[in-house]
């Protein structure tokens, strides 16, 4: 399966690259995240469409075979507190959804060797679309 196009803001790209560079050891998911960053289309934060998953976005997604949508918020590792709905960008699901648009589906390998199929149903909140570029 070909990977869907992904779009990142320059700011998210820079922060994620810095975060990854400061890790003493990269997990398989972190290495895949690096690959995703390398293939992403990068735009200025002000130019990113409101239907794209960026850092701190709140998203409705489904993970096949379930058809029930779950709401998640994408956060950086240092912000992850394990609260309901929080997804760490270095967790498989977090790395998978970053940069996707509403309606896109991606197949993403899990640590157990299985593949999960994730679909973005709706971007409920995105900081950039609210004028928050920090």
N, C-alpha and C. Protein backbone atom coordinates (compact mmCIF):
# COMPACT_ATOMS: atom_id res chain seq x y z
N UNK A 1 0.85 -1.19 0.00
CA UNK A 1 0.00 0.00 0.00
C UNK A 1 0.88 1.24 0.00
N UNK A 2 0.57 2.18 -0.87
CA UNK A 2 1.35 3.42 -0.89
C UNK A 2 0.94 4.28 0.29
N UNK A 3 1.89 5.01 0.80
CA UNK A 3 1.61 5.86 1.95
C UNK A 3 0.90 7.13 1.48
N UNK A 4 -0.06 7.61 2.27
CA UNK A 4 -0.73 8.85 1.91
C UNK A 4 0.23 10.03 2.06
N UNK A 5 -0.03 11.09 1.30
CA UNK A 5 0.76 12.31 1.47
C UNK A 5 0.53 12.87 2.85
N UNK A 6 1.57 13.43 3.42
CA UNK A 6 1.41 14.10 4.71
C UNK A 6 1.97 15.51 4.63
N UNK A 7 1.37 16.39 5.41
CA UNK A 7 1.76 17.81 5.42
C UNK A 7 2.08 18.21 6.85
N UNK A 8 3.23 18.84 7.04
CA UNK A 8 3.65 19.30 8.37
C UNK A 8 3.93 20.79 8.33
N UNK A 9 3.75 21.43 9.48
CA UNK A 9 4.19 22.82 9.58
C UNK A 9 5.69 22.83 9.85
N UNK A 10 6.36 23.89 9.39
CA UNK A 10 7.81 24.02 9.64
C UNK A 10 8.11 23.89 11.12
N UNK A 11 7.23 24.47 11.93
CA UNK A 11 7.43 24.50 13.38
C UNK A 11 7.36 23.09 13.98
N UNK A 12 6.32 22.31 13.59
CA UNK A 12 6.23 20.94 14.10
C UNK A 12 7.44 20.13 13.65
N UNK A 13 7.83 20.28 12.38
CA UNK A 13 8.98 19.55 11.85
C UNK A 13 10.23 19.86 12.67
N UNK A 14 10.49 21.13 12.90
CA UNK A 14 11.69 21.54 13.65
C UNK A 14 11.67 20.97 15.07
N UNK A 15 10.53 21.09 15.74
CA UNK A 15 10.43 20.60 17.13
C UNK A 15 10.60 19.09 17.20
N UNK A 16 10.00 18.39 16.24
CA UNK A 16 10.10 16.92 16.24
C UNK A 16 11.52 16.46 15.91
N UNK A 17 12.15 17.11 14.95
CA UNK A 17 13.54 16.75 14.63
C UNK A 17 14.44 16.99 15.83
N UNK A 18 14.25 18.09 16.52
CA UNK A 18 15.05 18.41 17.71
C UNK A 18 14.82 17.36 18.79
N UNK A 19 13.55 17.01 19.01
CA UNK A 19 13.21 16.00 20.02
C UNK A 19 13.88 14.67 19.69
N UNK A 20 13.83 14.26 18.42
CA UNK A 20 14.42 12.99 18.01
C UNK A 20 15.95 13.01 18.13
N UNK A 21 16.54 14.15 17.78
CA UNK A 21 18.01 14.27 17.88
C UNK A 21 18.48 14.15 19.32
N UNK A 22 17.63 14.51 20.28
CA UNK A 22 18.01 14.49 21.69
C UNK A 22 17.72 13.17 22.39
N UNK A 23 17.24 12.18 21.63
CA UNK A 23 17.00 10.85 22.21
C UNK A 23 18.30 10.06 22.18
N UNK A 24 18.60 9.35 23.27
CA UNK A 24 19.83 8.55 23.27
C UNK A 24 19.67 7.32 22.40
N UNK A 25 18.45 6.78 22.34
CA UNK A 25 18.20 5.60 21.51
C UNK A 25 16.83 5.76 20.87
N UNK A 26 16.75 5.45 19.58
CA UNK A 26 15.49 5.59 18.87
C UNK A 26 14.75 4.25 18.81
N UNK A 27 13.48 4.28 19.15
CA UNK A 27 12.64 3.09 19.02
C UNK A 27 12.30 2.89 17.54
N UNK A 28 11.71 1.73 17.22
CA UNK A 28 11.29 1.50 15.83
C UNK A 28 10.31 2.58 15.38
N UNK A 29 9.40 2.96 16.26
CA UNK A 29 8.41 3.98 15.92
C UNK A 29 9.09 5.32 15.68
N UNK A 30 10.09 5.67 16.48
CA UNK A 30 10.82 6.93 16.28
C UNK A 30 11.54 6.94 14.93
N UNK A 31 12.09 5.80 14.54
CA UNK A 31 12.77 5.71 13.25
C UNK A 31 11.75 5.88 12.12
N UNK A 32 10.57 5.27 12.27
CA UNK A 32 9.51 5.45 11.27
C UNK A 32 9.04 6.90 11.24
N UNK A 33 8.98 7.53 12.42
CA UNK A 33 8.59 8.94 12.48
C UNK A 33 9.61 9.79 11.72
N UNK A 34 10.88 9.50 11.90
CA UNK A 34 11.93 10.22 11.14
C UNK A 34 11.71 10.07 9.64
N UNK A 35 11.37 8.85 9.19
CA UNK A 35 11.09 8.61 7.77
C UNK A 35 9.90 9.44 7.31
N UNK A 36 8.87 9.52 8.16
CA UNK A 36 7.68 10.31 7.82
C UNK A 36 8.04 11.80 7.70
N UNK A 37 8.85 12.28 8.63
CA UNK A 37 9.27 13.69 8.59
C UNK A 37 10.03 13.98 7.30
N UNK A 38 10.84 13.02 6.88
CA UNK A 38 11.67 13.21 5.68
C UNK A 38 10.84 13.26 4.40
N UNK A 39 9.68 12.58 4.40
CA UNK A 39 8.88 12.55 3.17
C UNK A 39 7.75 13.57 3.16
N UNK A 40 7.57 14.28 4.26
CA UNK A 40 6.44 15.20 4.39
C UNK A 40 6.61 16.43 3.52
N UNK A 41 5.46 16.96 3.10
CA UNK A 41 5.44 18.28 2.48
C UNK A 41 5.42 19.27 3.65
N UNK A 42 6.35 20.23 3.64
CA UNK A 42 6.47 21.15 4.76
C UNK A 42 6.00 22.54 4.34
N UNK A 43 5.11 23.12 5.16
CA UNK A 43 4.57 24.44 4.87
C UNK A 43 4.69 25.33 6.10
N UNK A 44 4.54 26.63 5.89
CA UNK A 44 4.52 27.56 7.03
C UNK A 44 3.26 27.27 7.86
N UNK A 45 3.35 27.46 9.19
CA UNK A 45 2.18 27.17 10.03
C UNK A 45 0.91 27.90 9.56
N UNK A 46 1.07 29.13 9.10
CA UNK A 46 -0.10 29.91 8.66
C UNK A 46 -0.74 29.33 7.39
N UNK A 47 0.01 28.50 6.65
CA UNK A 47 -0.46 27.99 5.37
C UNK A 47 -1.06 26.59 5.46
N UNK A 48 -1.03 25.99 6.65
CA UNK A 48 -1.50 24.61 6.76
C UNK A 48 -3.03 24.58 6.78
N UNK A 49 -3.60 23.65 6.02
CA UNK A 49 -5.06 23.54 5.94
C UNK A 49 -5.62 23.08 7.29
N UNK A 50 -6.85 23.51 7.59
CA UNK A 50 -7.45 23.22 8.90
C UNK A 50 -7.86 21.76 9.06
N UNK A 51 -7.80 20.97 7.98
CA UNK A 51 -8.19 19.55 8.07
C UNK A 51 -6.99 18.63 8.19
N UNK A 52 -5.82 19.19 8.51
CA UNK A 52 -4.58 18.41 8.67
C UNK A 52 -4.28 18.20 10.16
N UNK A 53 -3.82 17.00 10.51
CA UNK A 53 -3.46 16.70 11.90
C UNK A 53 -2.07 17.28 12.19
N UNK A 54 -2.02 18.27 13.08
CA UNK A 54 -0.75 18.86 13.52
C UNK A 54 -0.58 18.53 15.00
N UNK A 55 0.56 18.87 15.56
CA UNK A 55 0.76 18.68 16.99
C UNK A 55 -0.30 19.49 17.74
N UNK A 56 -0.83 18.91 18.80
CA UNK A 56 -1.88 19.49 19.65
C UNK A 56 -3.25 19.51 18.99
N UNK A 57 -3.38 18.86 17.83
CA UNK A 57 -4.71 18.73 17.22
C UNK A 57 -5.54 17.73 18.01
N UNK A 58 -6.85 17.97 18.03
CA UNK A 58 -7.81 17.02 18.59
C UNK A 58 -8.54 16.39 17.41
N UNK A 59 -8.52 15.07 17.35
CA UNK A 59 -8.92 14.35 16.14
C UNK A 59 -9.88 13.21 16.47
N UNK A 60 -10.85 13.00 15.59
CA UNK A 60 -11.69 11.80 15.64
C UNK A 60 -11.11 10.80 14.64
N UNK A 61 -10.80 9.59 15.11
CA UNK A 61 -10.24 8.59 14.20
C UNK A 61 -10.83 7.23 14.47
N UNK A 62 -10.71 6.37 13.48
CA UNK A 62 -11.10 4.97 13.66
C UNK A 62 -9.90 4.10 13.38
N UNK A 63 -9.82 3.01 14.12
CA UNK A 63 -8.76 2.03 13.93
C UNK A 63 -9.44 0.71 13.56
N UNK A 64 -9.27 0.28 12.30
CA UNK A 64 -9.92 -0.94 11.83
C UNK A 64 -9.45 -2.12 12.68
N UNK A 65 -10.31 -3.10 12.92
CA UNK A 65 -11.63 -3.31 12.33
C UNK A 65 -12.75 -2.53 13.01
N UNK A 66 -12.45 -1.81 14.08
CA UNK A 66 -13.50 -1.05 14.76
C UNK A 66 -14.04 0.05 13.84
N UNK A 67 -15.32 0.31 13.94
CA UNK A 67 -15.92 1.41 13.19
C UNK A 67 -16.29 2.54 14.14
N UNK A 68 -15.97 2.35 15.41
CA UNK A 68 -16.29 3.36 16.42
C UNK A 68 -15.16 4.40 16.47
N UNK A 69 -15.52 5.67 16.27
CA UNK A 69 -14.52 6.73 16.28
C UNK A 69 -14.09 7.04 17.71
N UNK A 70 -12.80 7.29 17.88
CA UNK A 70 -12.27 7.72 19.18
C UNK A 70 -11.66 9.11 19.02
N UNK A 71 -11.73 9.89 20.08
CA UNK A 71 -11.18 11.24 20.06
C UNK A 71 -9.82 11.23 20.75
N UNK A 72 -8.81 11.77 20.06
CA UNK A 72 -7.47 11.82 20.63
C UNK A 72 -6.87 13.21 20.42
N UNK A 73 -5.92 13.55 21.29
CA UNK A 73 -5.15 14.79 21.15
C UNK A 73 -3.69 14.40 21.02
N UNK A 74 -3.03 14.90 19.97
CA UNK A 74 -1.64 14.54 19.69
C UNK A 74 -0.69 15.45 20.47
N UNK A 75 0.18 14.85 21.31
CA UNK A 75 1.08 15.63 22.16
C UNK A 75 2.53 15.16 22.04
N UNK A 76 3.44 16.03 22.46
CA UNK A 76 4.87 15.69 22.52
C UNK A 76 5.12 14.79 23.73
N UNK A 77 6.23 14.02 23.70
CA UNK A 77 6.53 13.12 24.82
C UNK A 77 6.57 13.82 26.18
N UNK A 78 7.15 15.03 26.24
CA UNK A 78 7.27 15.71 27.54
C UNK A 78 5.91 16.20 28.06
N UNK A 79 4.90 16.24 27.19
CA UNK A 79 3.55 16.68 27.60
C UNK A 79 2.65 15.51 27.94
N UNK A 80 3.07 14.31 27.57
CA UNK A 80 2.22 13.12 27.73
C UNK A 80 2.09 12.75 29.20
N UNK A 81 0.85 12.77 29.69
CA UNK A 81 0.60 12.46 31.10
C UNK A 81 -0.26 11.20 31.25
N UNK A 82 -0.55 10.55 30.12
CA UNK A 82 -1.37 9.34 30.16
C UNK A 82 -2.84 9.62 30.38
N UNK A 83 -3.25 10.88 30.18
CA UNK A 83 -4.66 11.21 30.36
C UNK A 83 -5.48 10.61 29.22
N UNK A 84 -6.76 10.40 29.49
CA UNK A 84 -7.66 9.81 28.50
C UNK A 84 -7.64 10.66 27.23
N UNK A 85 -7.42 9.98 26.11
CA UNK A 85 -7.43 10.68 24.83
C UNK A 85 -6.10 11.26 24.39
N UNK A 86 -5.13 11.31 25.30
CA UNK A 86 -3.81 11.82 24.89
C UNK A 86 -3.07 10.75 24.10
N UNK A 87 -2.45 11.18 23.00
CA UNK A 87 -1.64 10.26 22.21
C UNK A 87 -0.26 10.89 22.03
N UNK A 88 0.76 10.14 22.41
CA UNK A 88 2.14 10.59 22.29
C UNK A 88 2.59 10.43 20.83
N UNK A 89 3.23 11.45 20.29
CA UNK A 89 3.67 11.40 18.89
C UNK A 89 4.70 10.30 18.64
N UNK A 90 5.36 9.82 19.69
CA UNK A 90 6.32 8.73 19.48
C UNK A 90 5.70 7.35 19.74
N UNK A 91 4.39 7.31 20.01
CA UNK A 91 3.66 6.05 20.05
C UNK A 91 3.22 5.73 18.63
N UNK A 92 3.05 4.44 18.29
CA UNK A 92 2.68 4.10 16.91
C UNK A 92 1.48 4.89 16.38
N UNK A 93 0.41 5.01 17.17
CA UNK A 93 -0.77 5.71 16.68
C UNK A 93 -0.48 7.20 16.47
N UNK A 94 0.32 7.79 17.35
CA UNK A 94 0.65 9.21 17.22
C UNK A 94 1.49 9.50 15.98
N UNK A 95 2.51 8.68 15.78
CA UNK A 95 3.37 8.86 14.60
C UNK A 95 2.59 8.62 13.33
N UNK A 96 1.64 7.68 13.38
CA UNK A 96 0.85 7.35 12.18
C UNK A 96 -0.03 8.50 11.72
N UNK A 97 -0.67 9.22 12.67
CA UNK A 97 -1.67 10.21 12.27
C UNK A 97 -1.10 11.59 11.96
N UNK A 98 0.13 11.86 12.41
CA UNK A 98 0.72 13.18 12.19
C UNK A 98 0.77 13.53 10.70
N UNK A 99 0.22 14.68 10.35
CA UNK A 99 0.30 15.16 8.98
C UNK A 99 -0.78 14.65 8.04
N UNK A 100 -1.64 13.75 8.53
CA UNK A 100 -2.73 13.25 7.69
C UNK A 100 -3.87 14.27 7.62
N UNK A 101 -4.66 14.17 6.56
CA UNK A 101 -5.84 15.02 6.40
C UNK A 101 -7.09 14.19 6.68
N UNK A 102 -8.20 14.87 6.95
CA UNK A 102 -9.48 14.20 7.12
C UNK A 102 -9.73 13.29 5.92
N UNK A 103 -10.21 12.08 6.22
CA UNK A 103 -10.53 11.14 5.16
C UNK A 103 -9.38 10.24 4.75
N UNK A 104 -8.16 10.58 5.16
CA UNK A 104 -7.02 9.74 4.78
C UNK A 104 -6.90 8.54 5.72
N UNK A 105 -6.37 7.46 5.16
CA UNK A 105 -6.12 6.23 5.92
C UNK A 105 -4.66 5.86 5.75
N UNK A 106 -4.06 5.35 6.83
CA UNK A 106 -2.68 4.89 6.75
C UNK A 106 -2.59 3.53 7.44
N UNK A 107 -1.76 2.65 6.88
CA UNK A 107 -1.46 1.38 7.53
C UNK A 107 -0.12 1.57 8.24
N UNK A 108 -0.09 1.22 9.51
CA UNK A 108 1.09 1.50 10.32
C UNK A 108 1.48 0.28 11.13
N UNK A 109 2.77 -0.11 11.09
CA UNK A 109 3.21 -1.29 11.84
C UNK A 109 3.17 -1.03 13.34
N UNK A 110 2.79 -2.06 14.07
CA UNK A 110 2.78 -2.00 15.53
C UNK A 110 3.94 -2.83 16.08
N UNK A 111 4.34 -2.55 17.32
CA UNK A 111 5.46 -3.29 17.92
C UNK A 111 5.25 -4.81 17.93
N UNK A 112 3.99 -5.27 17.97
CA UNK A 112 3.74 -6.70 18.03
C UNK A 112 3.80 -7.38 16.66
N UNK A 113 4.14 -6.61 15.61
CA UNK A 113 4.27 -7.19 14.28
C UNK A 113 3.01 -7.06 13.44
N UNK A 114 1.89 -6.76 14.07
CA UNK A 114 0.65 -6.54 13.32
C UNK A 114 0.65 -5.14 12.71
N UNK A 115 -0.29 -4.91 11.81
CA UNK A 115 -0.42 -3.59 11.20
C UNK A 115 -1.77 -3.02 11.57
N UNK A 116 -1.79 -1.77 11.99
CA UNK A 116 -3.08 -1.14 12.26
C UNK A 116 -3.43 -0.22 11.09
N UNK A 117 -4.72 -0.12 10.84
CA UNK A 117 -5.21 0.72 9.76
C UNK A 117 -6.01 1.85 10.41
N UNK A 118 -5.49 3.05 10.28
CA UNK A 118 -6.07 4.21 10.97
C UNK A 118 -6.65 5.17 9.94
N UNK A 119 -7.87 5.64 10.19
CA UNK A 119 -8.51 6.61 9.31
C UNK A 119 -8.85 7.87 10.10
N UNK A 120 -8.50 9.02 9.55
CA UNK A 120 -8.84 10.30 10.17
C UNK A 120 -10.28 10.64 9.75
N UNK A 121 -11.17 10.66 10.72
CA UNK A 121 -12.57 10.98 10.42
C UNK A 121 -12.79 12.50 10.39
N UNK A 122 -12.25 13.18 11.41
CA UNK A 122 -12.47 14.63 11.50
C UNK A 122 -11.39 15.25 12.38
N UNK A 123 -10.90 16.43 11.97
CA UNK A 123 -10.02 17.22 12.82
C UNK A 123 -10.94 18.18 13.58
N UNK A 124 -11.10 17.94 14.90
CA UNK A 124 -12.02 18.73 15.71
C UNK A 124 -11.42 20.06 16.12
N UNK A 125 -10.10 20.05 16.34
CA UNK A 125 -9.40 21.27 16.74
C UNK A 125 -7.98 21.20 16.20
N UNK A 126 -7.52 22.30 15.66
CA UNK A 126 -6.13 22.40 15.21
C UNK A 126 -5.63 23.78 15.62
N UNK A 127 -4.52 23.84 16.38
CA UNK A 127 -4.05 25.15 16.88
C UNK A 127 -3.83 26.17 15.77
N UNK A 128 -3.25 25.73 14.66
CA UNK A 128 -2.92 26.67 13.58
C UNK A 128 -4.17 27.35 13.02
N UNK A 129 -5.27 26.59 12.90
CA UNK A 129 -6.49 27.18 12.34
C UNK A 129 -7.12 28.18 13.29
N UNK A 130 -6.72 28.13 14.58
CA UNK A 130 -7.21 29.07 15.57
C UNK A 130 -6.25 30.27 15.71
N UNK A 131 -5.22 30.29 14.86
CA UNK A 131 -4.26 31.40 14.91
C UNK A 131 -3.17 31.21 15.95
N UNK A 132 -3.06 29.99 16.49
CA UNK A 132 -2.03 29.69 17.49
C UNK A 132 -0.84 29.03 16.81
N UNK A 133 0.22 29.79 16.61
CA UNK A 133 1.40 29.26 15.92
C UNK A 133 2.56 29.02 16.85
N UNK A 134 2.30 28.98 18.15
CA UNK A 134 3.41 28.83 19.10
C UNK A 134 3.79 27.39 19.33
